[in-house]
Amino acid sequence: MAFCRKLCGLVGQGVLKDSVIGRSNEAFQMLNSFRYMSTKLFVGGLSWGTDDQTLKEAFASFGNVIEARVITDRDTGRSRGFGFVSFESDQSASEAVAGMDGQV
């Protein structure tokens, strides 16, 4: 994932330079669409009582959830307030982002 971000950043810098001097902006748009197509979502602002199963149930209405994981503190075992949800398809992940953005 870090490699992808670095590569996207380097390509984006080159594309931005080209677009400033008047070249087509199509490559930049394609780069942005590539950057946001992912089946793994970061979920922040979780309550301390949220566990893996509760997180999975909350996102199951948007599609087949492969994995839902709440990140915990290694010393205390308590939730750190964020987690990750992996979907089977990009479309399900996009629907989940649209449906859950800003929700409590």
PDB file of N, CA and C in Angstrom:
ATOM      1  N   MET A   1       0.822  -1.186   0.000  1.00  0.00           N
ATOM      2  CA  MET A   1       0.000   0.000   0.000  1.00  0.00           C
ATOM      3  C   MET A   1       0.868   1.252   0.000  1.00  0.00           C
ATOM      4  N   ALA A   2       1.946   1.243   0.789  1.00  0.00           N
ATOM      5  CA  ALA A   2       2.825   2.404   0.831  1.00  0.00           C
ATOM      6  C   ALA A   2       3.490   2.620  -0.523  1.00  0.00           C
ATOM      7  N   PHE A   3       3.853   1.526  -1.184  1.00  0.00           N
ATOM      8  CA  PHE A   3       4.448   1.620  -2.511  1.00  0.00           C
ATOM      9  C   PHE A   3       3.487   2.279  -3.493  1.00  0.00           C
ATOM     10  N   CYS A   4       2.213   1.872  -3.432  1.00  0.00           N
ATOM     11  CA  CYS A   4       1.195   2.439  -4.320  1.00  0.00           C
ATOM     12  C   CYS A   4       1.042   3.933  -4.077  1.00  0.00           C
ATOM     13  N   ARG A   5       1.012   4.339  -2.821  1.00  0.00           N
ATOM     14  CA  ARG A   5       0.882   5.756  -2.505  1.00  0.00           C
ATOM     15  C   ARG A   5       2.078   6.552  -3.044  1.00  0.00           C
ATOM     16  N   LYS A   6       3.279   5.999  -2.855  1.00  0.00           N
ATOM     17  CA  LYS A   6       4.487   6.674  -3.319  1.00  0.00           C
ATOM     18  C   LYS A   6       4.468   6.791  -4.840  1.00  0.00           C
ATOM     19  N   LEU A   7       4.124   5.696  -5.522  1.00  0.00           N
ATOM     20  CA  LEU A   7       4.053   5.703  -6.973  1.00  0.00           C
ATOM     21  C   LEU A   7       3.009   6.701  -7.463  1.00  0.00           C
ATOM     22  N   CYS A   8       1.829   6.693  -6.846  1.00  0.00           N
ATOM     23  CA  CYS A   8       0.774   7.637  -7.228  1.00  0.00           C
ATOM     24  C   CYS A   8       1.220   9.070  -7.007  1.00  0.00           C
ATOM     25  N   GLY A   9       1.951   9.315  -5.934  1.00  0.00           N
ATOM     26  CA  GLY A   9       2.445  10.654  -5.656  1.00  0.00           C
ATOM     27  C   GLY A   9       3.446  11.123  -6.701  1.00  0.00           C
ATOM     28  N   LEU A  10       4.359  10.232  -7.078  1.00  0.00           N
ATOM     29  CA  LEU A  10       5.351  10.597  -8.080  1.00  0.00           C
ATOM     30  C   LEU A  10       4.710  10.829  -9.447  1.00  0.00           C
ATOM     31  N   VAL A  11       3.801   9.945  -9.826  1.00  0.00           N
ATOM     32  CA  VAL A  11       3.109  10.107 -11.101  1.00  0.00           C
ATOM     33  C   VAL A  11       2.269  11.379 -11.066  1.00  0.00           C
ATOM     34  N   GLY A  12       1.588  11.627  -9.962  1.00  0.00           N
ATOM     35  CA  GLY A  12       0.763  12.820  -9.821  1.00  0.00           C
ATOM     36  C   GLY A  12       1.563  14.100  -9.957  1.00  0.00           C
ATOM     37  N   GLN A  13       2.772  14.124  -9.393  1.00  0.00           N
ATOM     38  CA  GLN A  13       3.616  15.311  -9.511  1.00  0.00           C
ATOM     39  C   GLN A  13       3.983  15.569 -10.960  1.00  0.00           C
ATOM     40  N   GLY A  14       4.301  14.506 -11.690  1.00  0.00           N
ATOM     41  CA  GLY A  14       4.622  14.651 -13.103  1.00  0.00           C
ATOM     42  C   GLY A  14       3.428  15.100 -13.912  1.00  0.00           C
ATOM     43  N   VAL A  15       2.266  14.576 -13.599  1.00  0.00           N
ATOM     44  CA  VAL A  15       1.045  14.944 -14.308  1.00  0.00           C
ATOM     45  C   VAL A  15       0.677  16.380 -14.018  1.00  0.00           C
ATOM     46  N   LEU A  16       0.852  16.811 -12.772  1.00  0.00           N
ATOM     47  CA  LEU A  16       0.544  18.197 -12.429  1.00  0.00           C
ATOM     48  C   LEU A  16       1.442  19.163 -13.188  1.00  0.00           C
ATOM     49  N   LYS A  17       2.714  18.835 -13.332  1.00  0.00           N
ATOM     50  CA  LYS A  17       3.619  19.697 -14.081  1.00  0.00           C
ATOM     51  C   LYS A  17       3.161  19.810 -15.530  1.00  0.00           C
ATOM     52  N   ASP A  18       2.749  18.669 -16.115  1.00  0.00           N
ATOM     53  CA  ASP A  18       2.287  18.678 -17.494  1.00  0.00           C
ATOM     54  C   ASP A  18       1.012  19.488 -17.647  1.00  0.00           C
ATOM     55  N   SER A  19       0.090  19.384 -16.680  1.00  0.00           N
ATOM     56  CA  SER A  19      -1.174  20.104 -16.809  1.00  0.00           C
ATOM     57  C   SER A  19      -0.980  21.608 -16.624  1.00  0.00           C
ATOM     58  N   VAL A  20       0.028  22.013 -15.869  1.00  0.00           N
ATOM     59  CA  VAL A  20       0.289  23.433 -15.677  1.00  0.00           C
ATOM     60  C   VAL A  20       0.746  24.075 -16.985  1.00  0.00           C
ATOM     61  N   ILE A  21       1.509  23.314 -17.788  1.00  0.00           N
ATOM     62  CA  ILE A  21       2.000  23.898 -19.035  1.00  0.00           C
ATOM     63  C   ILE A  21       1.040  23.681 -20.194  1.00  0.00           C
ATOM     64  N   GLY A  22      -0.171  23.218 -19.898  1.00  0.00           N
ATOM     65  CA  GLY A  22      -1.221  23.180 -20.910  1.00  0.00           C
ATOM     66  C   GLY A  22      -1.534  21.825 -21.499  1.00  0.00           C
ATOM     67  N   ARG A  23      -0.955  20.773 -21.012  1.00  0.00           N
ATOM     68  CA  ARG A  23      -1.252  19.455 -21.560  1.00  0.00           C
ATOM     69  C   ARG A  23      -2.547  18.910 -20.977  1.00  0.00           C
ATOM     70  N   SER A  24      -3.003  17.780 -21.507  1.00  0.00           N
ATOM     71  CA  SER A  24      -4.276  17.184 -21.108  1.00  0.00           C
ATOM     72  C   SER A  24      -4.283  16.803 -19.629  1.00  0.00           C
ATOM     73  N   ASN A  25      -5.435  16.909 -19.031  1.00  0.00           N
ATOM     74  CA  ASN A  25      -5.622  16.583 -17.631  1.00  0.00           C
ATOM     75  C   ASN A  25      -6.236  15.198 -17.453  1.00  0.00           C
ATOM     76  N   GLU A  26      -6.389  14.422 -18.537  1.00  0.00           N
ATOM     77  CA  GLU A  26      -7.024  13.100 -18.470  1.00  0.00           C
ATOM     78  C   GLU A  26      -6.235  12.141 -17.599  1.00  0.00           C
ATOM     79  N   ALA A  27      -4.912  12.161 -17.689  1.00  0.00           N
ATOM     80  CA  ALA A  27      -4.089  11.258 -16.898  1.00  0.00           C
ATOM     81  C   ALA A  27      -4.264  11.529 -15.414  1.00  0.00           C
ATOM     82  N   PHE A  28      -4.398  12.788 -15.043  1.00  0.00           N
ATOM     83  CA  PHE A  28      -4.589  13.125 -13.638  1.00  0.00           C
ATOM     84  C   PHE A  28      -5.920  12.585 -13.117  1.00  0.00           C
ATOM     85  N   GLN A  29      -6.975  12.687 -13.916  1.00  0.00           N
ATOM     86  CA  GLN A  29      -8.271  12.154 -13.519  1.00  0.00           C
ATOM     87  C   GLN A  29      -8.220  10.642 -13.378  1.00  0.00           C
ATOM     88  N   MET A  30      -7.513   9.964 -14.272  1.00  0.00           N
ATOM     89  CA  MET A  30      -7.378   8.519 -14.196  1.00  0.00           C
ATOM     90  C   MET A  30      -6.598   8.134 -12.943  1.00  0.00           C
ATOM     91  N   LEU A  31      -5.574   8.905 -12.612  1.00  0.00           N
ATOM     92  CA  LEU A  31      -4.793   8.652 -11.414  1.00  0.00           C
ATOM     93  C   LEU A  31      -5.666   8.750 -10.174  1.00  0.00           C
ATOM     94  N   ASN A  32      -6.503   9.768 -10.077  1.00  0.00           N
ATOM     95  CA  ASN A  32      -7.383   9.924  -8.926  1.00  0.00           C
ATOM     96  C   ASN A  32      -8.383   8.790  -8.830  1.00  0.00           C
ATOM     97  N   SER A  33      -8.931   8.335  -9.939  1.00  0.00           N
ATOM     98  CA  SER A  33      -9.891   7.235  -9.876  1.00  0.00           C
ATOM     99  C   SER A  33      -9.197   5.959  -9.435  1.00  0.00           C
ATOM    100  N   PHE A  34      -7.938   5.754  -9.840  1.00  0.00           N
ATOM    101  CA  PHE A  34      -7.178   4.587  -9.403  1.00  0.00           C
ATOM    102  C   PHE A  34      -6.913   4.648  -7.907  1.00  0.00           C
ATOM    103  N   ARG A  35      -6.602   5.826  -7.418  1.00  0.00           N
ATOM    104  CA  ARG A  35      -6.251   6.003  -6.015  1.00  0.00           C
ATOM    105  C   ARG A  35      -7.414   5.640  -5.094  1.00  0.00           C
ATOM    106  N   TYR A  36      -8.653   5.915  -5.512  1.00  0.00           N
ATOM    107  CA  TYR A  36      -9.793   5.710  -4.639  1.00  0.00           C
ATOM    108  C   TYR A  36     -10.530   4.398  -4.867  1.00  0.00           C
ATOM    109  N   MET A  37     -10.076   3.588  -5.810  1.00  0.00           N
ATOM    110  CA  MET A  37     -10.703   2.289  -6.018  1.00  0.00           C
ATOM    111  C   MET A  37     -10.044   1.289  -5.077  1.00  0.00           C
ATOM    112  N   SER A  38     -10.696   0.971  -3.999  1.00  0.00           N
ATOM    113  CA  SER A  38     -10.158   0.035  -3.032  1.00  0.00           C
ATOM    114  C   SER A  38     -11.304  -0.676  -2.350  1.00  0.00           C
ATOM    115  N   THR A  39     -11.055  -1.889  -1.936  1.00  0.00           N
ATOM    116  CA  THR A  39     -12.091  -2.636  -1.241  1.00  0.00           C
ATOM    117  C   THR A  39     -11.880  -2.588   0.268  1.00  0.00           C
ATOM    118  N   LYS A  40     -10.789  -1.997   0.727  1.00  0.00           N
ATOM    119  CA  LYS A  40     -10.523  -1.892   2.165  1.00  0.00           C
ATOM    120  C   LYS A  40     -10.724  -0.458   2.612  1.00  0.00           C
ATOM    121  N   LEU A  41     -11.603  -0.272   3.583  1.00  0.00           N
ATOM    122  CA  LEU A  41     -11.948   1.061   4.064  1.00  0.00           C
ATOM    123  C   LEU A  41     -11.433   1.286   5.476  1.00  0.00           C
ATOM    124  N   PHE A  42     -10.966   2.499   5.726  1.00  0.00           N
ATOM    125  CA  PHE A  42     -10.625   2.934   7.072  1.00  0.00           C
ATOM    126  C   PHE A  42     -11.892   3.493   7.703  1.00  0.00           C
ATOM    127  N   VAL A  43     -12.177   3.077   8.928  1.00  0.00           N
ATOM    128  CA  VAL A  43     -13.357   3.567   9.650  1.00  0.00           C
ATOM    129  C   VAL A  43     -12.872   4.184  10.955  1.00  0.00           C
ATOM    130  N   GLY A  44     -13.086   5.478  11.105  1.00  0.00           N
ATOM    131  CA  GLY A  44     -12.628   6.174  12.302  1.00  0.00           C
ATOM    132  C   GLY A  44     -13.785   6.629  13.167  1.00  0.00           C
ATOM    133  N   GLY A  45     -13.471   7.046  14.366  1.00  0.00           N
ATOM    134  CA  GLY A  45     -14.472   7.569  15.284  1.00  0.00           C
ATOM    135  C   GLY A  45     -15.378   6.508  15.884  1.00  0.00           C
ATOM    136  N   LEU A  46     -14.865   5.288  16.014  1.00  0.00           N
ATOM    137  CA  LEU A  46     -15.689   4.212  16.588  1.00  0.00           C
ATOM    138  C   LEU A  46     -15.806   4.362  18.095  1.00  0.00           C
ATOM    139  N   SER A  47     -16.930   3.924  18.639  1.00  0.00           N
ATOM    140  CA  SER A  47     -17.086   3.946  20.094  1.00  0.00           C
ATOM    141  C   SER A  47     -16.181   2.875  20.701  1.00  0.00           C
ATOM    142  N   TRP A  48     -15.861   3.042  21.965  1.00  0.00           N
ATOM    143  CA  TRP A  48     -14.944   2.116  22.635  1.00  0.00           C
ATOM    144  C   TRP A  48     -15.533   0.707  22.729  1.00  0.00           C
ATOM    145  N   GLY A  49     -16.855   0.594  22.684  1.00  0.00           N
ATOM    146  CA  GLY A  49     -17.500  -0.707  22.814  1.00  0.00           C
ATOM    147  C   GLY A  49     -17.635  -1.479  21.510  1.00  0.00           C
ATOM    148  N   THR A  50     -17.200  -0.916  20.412  1.00  0.00           N
ATOM    149  CA  THR A  50     -17.328  -1.586  19.120  1.00  0.00           C
ATOM    150  C   THR A  50     -16.303  -2.706  19.004  1.00  0.00           C
ATOM    151  N   ASP A  51     -16.796  -3.893  18.615  1.00  0.00           N
ATOM    152  CA  ASP A  51     -15.891  -5.013  18.377  1.00  0.00           C
ATOM    153  C   ASP A  51     -15.963  -5.417  16.898  1.00  0.00           C
ATOM    154  N   ASP A  52     -15.188  -6.413  16.512  1.00  0.00           N
ATOM    155  CA  ASP A  52     -15.120  -6.836  15.111  1.00  0.00           C
ATOM    156  C   ASP A  52     -16.491  -7.237  14.563  1.00  0.00           C
ATOM    157  N   GLN A  53     -17.239  -8.000  15.321  1.00  0.00           N
ATOM    158  CA  GLN A  53     -18.543  -8.486  14.861  1.00  0.00           C
ATOM    159  C   GLN A  53     -19.540  -7.339  14.688  1.00  0.00           C
ATOM    160  N   THR A  54     -19.566  -6.408  15.607  1.00  0.00           N
ATOM    161  CA  THR A  54     -20.467  -5.261  15.515  1.00  0.00           C
ATOM    162  C   THR A  54     -20.129  -4.407  14.294  1.00  0.00           C
ATOM    163  N   LEU A  55     -18.840  -4.219  14.038  1.00  0.00           N
ATOM    164  CA  LEU A  55     -18.402  -3.454  12.878  1.00  0.00           C
ATOM    165  C   LEU A  55     -18.819  -4.156  11.590  1.00  0.00           C
ATOM    166  N   LYS A  56     -18.664  -5.457  11.539  1.00  0.00           N
ATOM    167  CA  LYS A  56     -19.064  -6.228  10.358  1.00  0.00           C
ATOM    168  C   LYS A  56     -20.567  -6.118  10.112  1.00  0.00           C
ATOM    169  N   GLU A  57     -21.355  -6.226  11.164  1.00  0.00           N
ATOM    170  CA  GLU A  57     -22.812  -6.118  11.039  1.00  0.00           C
ATOM    171  C   GLU A  57     -23.243  -4.731  10.560  1.00  0.00           C
ATOM    172  N   ALA A  58     -22.531  -3.697  10.993  1.00  0.00           N
ATOM    173  CA  ALA A  58     -22.878  -2.331  10.598  1.00  0.00           C
ATOM    174  C   ALA A  58     -22.672  -2.104   9.100  1.00  0.00           C
ATOM    175  N   PHE A  59     -21.714  -2.788   8.500  1.00  0.00           N
ATOM    176  CA  PHE A  59     -21.411  -2.588   7.086  1.00  0.00           C
ATOM    177  C   PHE A  59     -21.963  -3.689   6.184  1.00  0.00           C
ATOM    178  N   ALA A  60     -22.556  -4.724   6.739  1.00  0.00           N
ATOM    179  CA  ALA A  60     -23.035  -5.861   5.949  1.00  0.00           C
ATOM    180  C   ALA A  60     -24.149  -5.485   4.972  1.00  0.00           C
ATOM    181  N   SER A  61     -24.901  -4.442   5.244  1.00  0.00           N
ATOM    182  CA  SER A  61     -25.996  -4.058   4.354  1.00  0.00           C
ATOM    183  C   SER A  61     -25.509  -3.503   3.018  1.00  0.00           C
ATOM    184  N   PHE A  62     -24.226  -3.155   2.912  1.00  0.00           N
ATOM    185  CA  PHE A  62     -23.687  -2.587   1.675  1.00  0.00           C
ATOM    186  C   PHE A  62     -23.080  -3.631   0.749  1.00  0.00           C
ATOM    187  N   GLY A  63     -22.881  -4.837   1.229  1.00  0.00           N
ATOM    188  CA  GLY A  63     -22.303  -5.889   0.401  1.00  0.00           C
ATOM    189  C   GLY A  63     -21.614  -6.926   1.265  1.00  0.00           C
ATOM    190  N   ASN A  64     -20.973  -7.884   0.613  1.00  0.00           N
ATOM    191  CA  ASN A  64     -20.300  -8.965   1.313  1.00  0.00           C
ATOM    192  C   ASN A  64     -19.016  -8.463   1.975  1.00  0.00           C
ATOM    193  N   VAL A  65     -19.004  -8.469   3.311  1.00  0.00           N
ATOM    194  CA  VAL A  65     -17.847  -8.022   4.077  1.00  0.00           C
ATOM    195  C   VAL A  65     -16.917  -9.215   4.272  1.00  0.00           C
ATOM    196  N   ILE A  66     -15.707  -9.095   3.773  1.00  0.00           N
ATOM    197  CA  ILE A  66     -14.727 -10.173   3.910  1.00  0.00           C
ATOM    198  C   ILE A  66     -14.118 -10.166   5.306  1.00  0.00           C
ATOM    199  N   GLU A  67     -13.768  -8.966   5.782  1.00  0.00           N
ATOM    200  CA  GLU A  67     -13.154  -8.840   7.097  1.00  0.00           C
ATOM    201  C   GLU A  67     -13.498  -7.488   7.700  1.00  0.00           C
ATOM    202  N   ALA A  68     -13.747  -7.482   8.985  1.00  0.00           N
ATOM    203  CA  ALA A  68     -13.938  -6.244   9.733  1.00  0.00           C
ATOM    204  C   ALA A  68     -13.072  -6.357  10.976  1.00  0.00           C
ATOM    205  N   ARG A  69     -12.218  -5.370  11.166  1.00  0.00           N
ATOM    206  CA  ARG A  69     -11.287  -5.458  12.282  1.00  0.00           C
ATOM    207  C   ARG A  69     -11.186  -4.130  13.009  1.00  0.00           C
ATOM    208  N   VAL A  70     -11.426  -4.161  14.301  1.00  0.00           N
ATOM    209  CA  VAL A  70     -11.248  -2.996  15.165  1.00  0.00           C
ATOM    210  C   VAL A  70      -9.833  -3.092  15.731  1.00  0.00           C
ATOM    211  N   ILE A  71      -9.087  -2.021  15.617  1.00  0.00           N
ATOM    212  CA  ILE A  71      -7.702  -2.002  16.099  1.00  0.00           C
ATOM    213  C   ILE A  71      -7.706  -1.735  17.598  1.00  0.00           C
ATOM    214  N   THR A  72      -6.955  -2.571  18.323  1.00  0.00           N
ATOM    215  CA  THR A  72      -6.917  -2.464  19.781  1.00  0.00           C
ATOM    216  C   THR A  72      -5.503  -2.131  20.251  1.00  0.00           C
ATOM    217  N   ASP A  73      -5.447  -1.548  21.427  1.00  0.00           N
ATOM    218  CA  ASP A  73      -4.172  -1.244  22.062  1.00  0.00           C
ATOM    219  C   ASP A  73      -3.531  -2.548  22.527  1.00  0.00           C
ATOM    220  N   ARG A  74      -2.257  -2.750  22.219  1.00  0.00           N
ATOM    221  CA  ARG A  74      -1.628  -4.027  22.562  1.00  0.00           C
ATOM    222  C   ARG A  74      -1.413  -4.212  24.059  1.00  0.00           C
ATOM    223  N   ASP A  75      -1.296  -3.133  24.813  1.00  0.00           N
ATOM    224  CA  ASP A  75      -1.078  -3.249  26.251  1.00  0.00           C
ATOM    225  C   ASP A  75      -2.375  -3.459  27.026  1.00  0.00           C
ATOM    226  N   THR A  76      -3.403  -2.680  26.681  1.00  0.00           N
ATOM    227  CA  THR A  76      -4.652  -2.741  27.440  1.00  0.00           C
ATOM    228  C   THR A  76      -5.721  -3.604  26.784  1.00  0.00           C
ATOM    229  N   GLY A  77      -5.607  -3.835  25.475  1.00  0.00           N
ATOM    230  CA  GLY A  77      -6.628  -4.606  24.765  1.00  0.00           C
ATOM    231  C   GLY A  77      -7.860  -3.775  24.434  1.00  0.00           C
ATOM    232  N   ARG A  78      -7.856  -2.519  24.793  1.00  0.00           N
ATOM    233  CA  ARG A  78      -8.995  -1.626  24.557  1.00  0.00           C
ATOM    234  C   ARG A  78      -8.969  -1.090  23.125  1.00  0.00           C
ATOM    235  N   SER A  79     -10.139  -0.857  22.567  1.00  0.00           N
ATOM    236  CA  SER A  79     -10.255  -0.318  21.219  1.00  0.00           C
ATOM    237  C   SER A  79      -9.536   1.021  21.118  1.00  0.00           C
ATOM    238  N   ARG A  80      -8.908   1.257  19.971  1.00  0.00           N
ATOM    239  CA  ARG A  80      -8.242   2.537  19.736  1.00  0.00           C
ATOM    240  C   ARG A  80      -9.157   3.508  19.006  1.00  0.00           C
ATOM    241  N   GLY A  81     -10.395   3.086  18.707  1.00  0.00           N
ATOM    242  CA  GLY A  81     -11.377   3.988  18.113  1.00  0.00           C
ATOM    243  C   GLY A  81     -11.408   3.999  16.598  1.00  0.00           C
ATOM    244  N   PHE A  82     -10.695   3.069  15.975  1.00  0.00           N
ATOM    245  CA  PHE A  82     -10.745   2.977  14.521  1.00  0.00           C
ATOM    246  C   PHE A  82     -10.563   1.527  14.082  1.00  0.00           C
ATOM    247  N   GLY A  83     -10.866   1.280  12.826  1.00  0.00           N
ATOM    248  CA  GLY A  83     -10.736  -0.072  12.302  1.00  0.00           C
ATOM    249  C   GLY A  83     -10.747  -0.080  10.786  1.00  0.00           C
ATOM    250  N   PHE A  84     -10.817  -1.268  10.216  1.00  0.00           N
ATOM    251  CA  PHE A  84     -10.812  -1.447   8.775  1.00  0.00           C
ATOM    252  C   PHE A  84     -11.886  -2.452   8.389  1.00  0.00           C
ATOM    253  N   VAL A  85     -12.531  -2.196   7.255  1.00  0.00           N
ATOM    254  CA  VAL A  85     -13.549  -3.096   6.726  1.00  0.00           C
ATOM    255  C   VAL A  85     -13.165  -3.413   5.286  1.00  0.00           C
ATOM    256  N   SER A  86     -13.088  -4.709   4.970  1.00  0.00           N
ATOM    257  CA  SER A  86     -12.748  -5.144   3.611  1.00  0.00           C
ATOM    258  C   SER A  86     -13.974  -5.735   2.945  1.00  0.00           C
ATOM    259  N   PHE A  87     -14.262  -5.261   1.734  1.00  0.00           N
ATOM    260  CA  PHE A  87     -15.407  -5.738   0.962  1.00  0.00           C
ATOM    261  C   PHE A  87     -14.940  -6.623  -0.183  1.00  0.00           C
ATOM    262  N   GLU A  88     -15.886  -7.369  -0.725  1.00  0.00           N
ATOM    263  CA  GLU A  88     -15.602  -8.250  -1.848  1.00  0.00           C
ATOM    264  C   GLU A  88     -15.434  -7.464  -3.151  1.00  0.00           C
ATOM    265  N   SER A  89     -16.145  -6.347  -3.298  1.00  0.00           N
ATOM    266  CA  SER A  89     -16.083  -5.593  -4.551  1.00  0.00           C
ATOM    267  C   SER A  89     -15.882  -4.101  -4.292  1.00  0.00           C
ATOM    268  N   ASP A  90     -15.340  -3.426  -5.317  1.00  0.00           N
ATOM    269  CA  ASP A  90     -15.151  -1.979  -5.256  1.00  0.00           C
ATOM    270  C   ASP A  90     -16.490  -1.259  -5.135  1.00  0.00           C
ATOM    271  N   GLN A  91     -17.495  -1.781  -5.815  1.00  0.00           N
ATOM    272  CA  GLN A  91     -18.817  -1.150  -5.805  1.00  0.00           C
ATOM    273  C   GLN A  91     -19.410  -1.160  -4.396  1.00  0.00           C
ATOM    274  N   SER A  92     -19.284  -2.274  -3.696  1.00  0.00           N
ATOM    275  CA  SER A  92     -19.793  -2.349  -2.321  1.00  0.00           C
ATOM    276  C   SER A  92     -19.069  -1.363  -1.418  1.00  0.00           C
ATOM    277  N   ALA A  93     -17.758  -1.261  -1.607  1.00  0.00           N
ATOM    278  CA  ALA A  93     -16.971  -0.323  -0.796  1.00  0.00           C
ATOM    279  C   ALA A  93     -17.392   1.119  -1.080  1.00  0.00           C
ATOM    280  N   SER A  94     -17.616   1.441  -2.346  1.00  0.00           N
ATOM    281  CA  SER A  94     -18.052   2.800  -2.708  1.00  0.00           C
ATOM    282  C   SER A  94     -19.414   3.126  -2.108  1.00  0.00           C
ATOM    283  N   GLU A  95     -20.330   2.161  -2.152  1.00  0.00           N
ATOM    284  CA  GLU A  95     -21.657   2.364  -1.560  1.00  0.00           C
ATOM    285  C   GLU A  95     -21.555   2.559  -0.055  1.00  0.00           C
ATOM    286  N   ALA A  96     -20.655   1.808   0.589  1.00  0.00           N
ATOM    287  CA  ALA A  96     -20.478   1.948   2.036  1.00  0.00           C
ATOM    288  C   ALA A  96     -19.922   3.326   2.392  1.00  0.00           C
ATOM    289  N   VAL A  97     -18.976   3.801   1.601  1.00  0.00           N
ATOM    290  CA  VAL A  97     -18.423   5.143   1.848  1.00  0.00           C
ATOM    291  C   VAL A  97     -19.517   6.185   1.733  1.00  0.00           C
ATOM    292  N   ALA A  98     -20.316   6.085   0.672  1.00  0.00           N
ATOM    293  CA  ALA A  98     -21.391   7.059   0.449  1.00  0.00           C
ATOM    294  C   ALA A  98     -22.456   6.951   1.542  1.00  0.00           C
ATOM    295  N   GLY A  99     -22.789   5.745   1.955  1.00  0.00           N
ATOM    296  CA  GLY A  99     -23.853   5.549   2.926  1.00  0.00           C
ATOM    297  C   GLY A  99     -23.474   5.820   4.370  1.00  0.00           C
ATOM    298  N   MET A 100     -22.214   5.593   4.715  1.00  0.00           N
ATOM    299  CA  MET A 100     -21.806   5.726   6.114  1.00  0.00           C
ATOM    300  C   MET A 100     -21.020   7.002   6.415  1.00  0.00           C
ATOM    301  N   ASP A 101     -20.686   7.769   5.397  1.00  0.00           N
ATOM    302  CA  ASP A 101     -19.908   8.999   5.608  1.00  0.00           C
ATOM    303  C   ASP A 101     -20.695   9.962   6.499  1.00  0.00           C
ATOM    304  N   GLY A 102     -20.099  10.288   7.641  1.00  0.00           N
ATOM    305  CA  GLY A 102     -20.708  11.230   8.573  1.00  0.00           C
ATOM    306  C   GLY A 102     -21.750  10.624   9.512  1.00  0.00           C
ATOM    307  N   GLN A 103     -21.983   9.319   9.417  1.00  0.00           N
ATOM    308  CA  GLN A 103     -22.979   8.673  10.270  1.00  0.00           C
ATOM    309  C   GLN A 103     -22.416   8.392  11.650  1.00  0.00           C
ATOM    310  N   VAL A 104     -23.285   8.335  12.620  1.00  0.00           N
ATOM    311  CA  VAL A 104     -22.888   8.020  13.994  1.00  0.00           C
ATOM    312  C   VAL A 104     -23.045   6.534  14.211  1.00  0.00           C
TER     313      VAL A 104
END
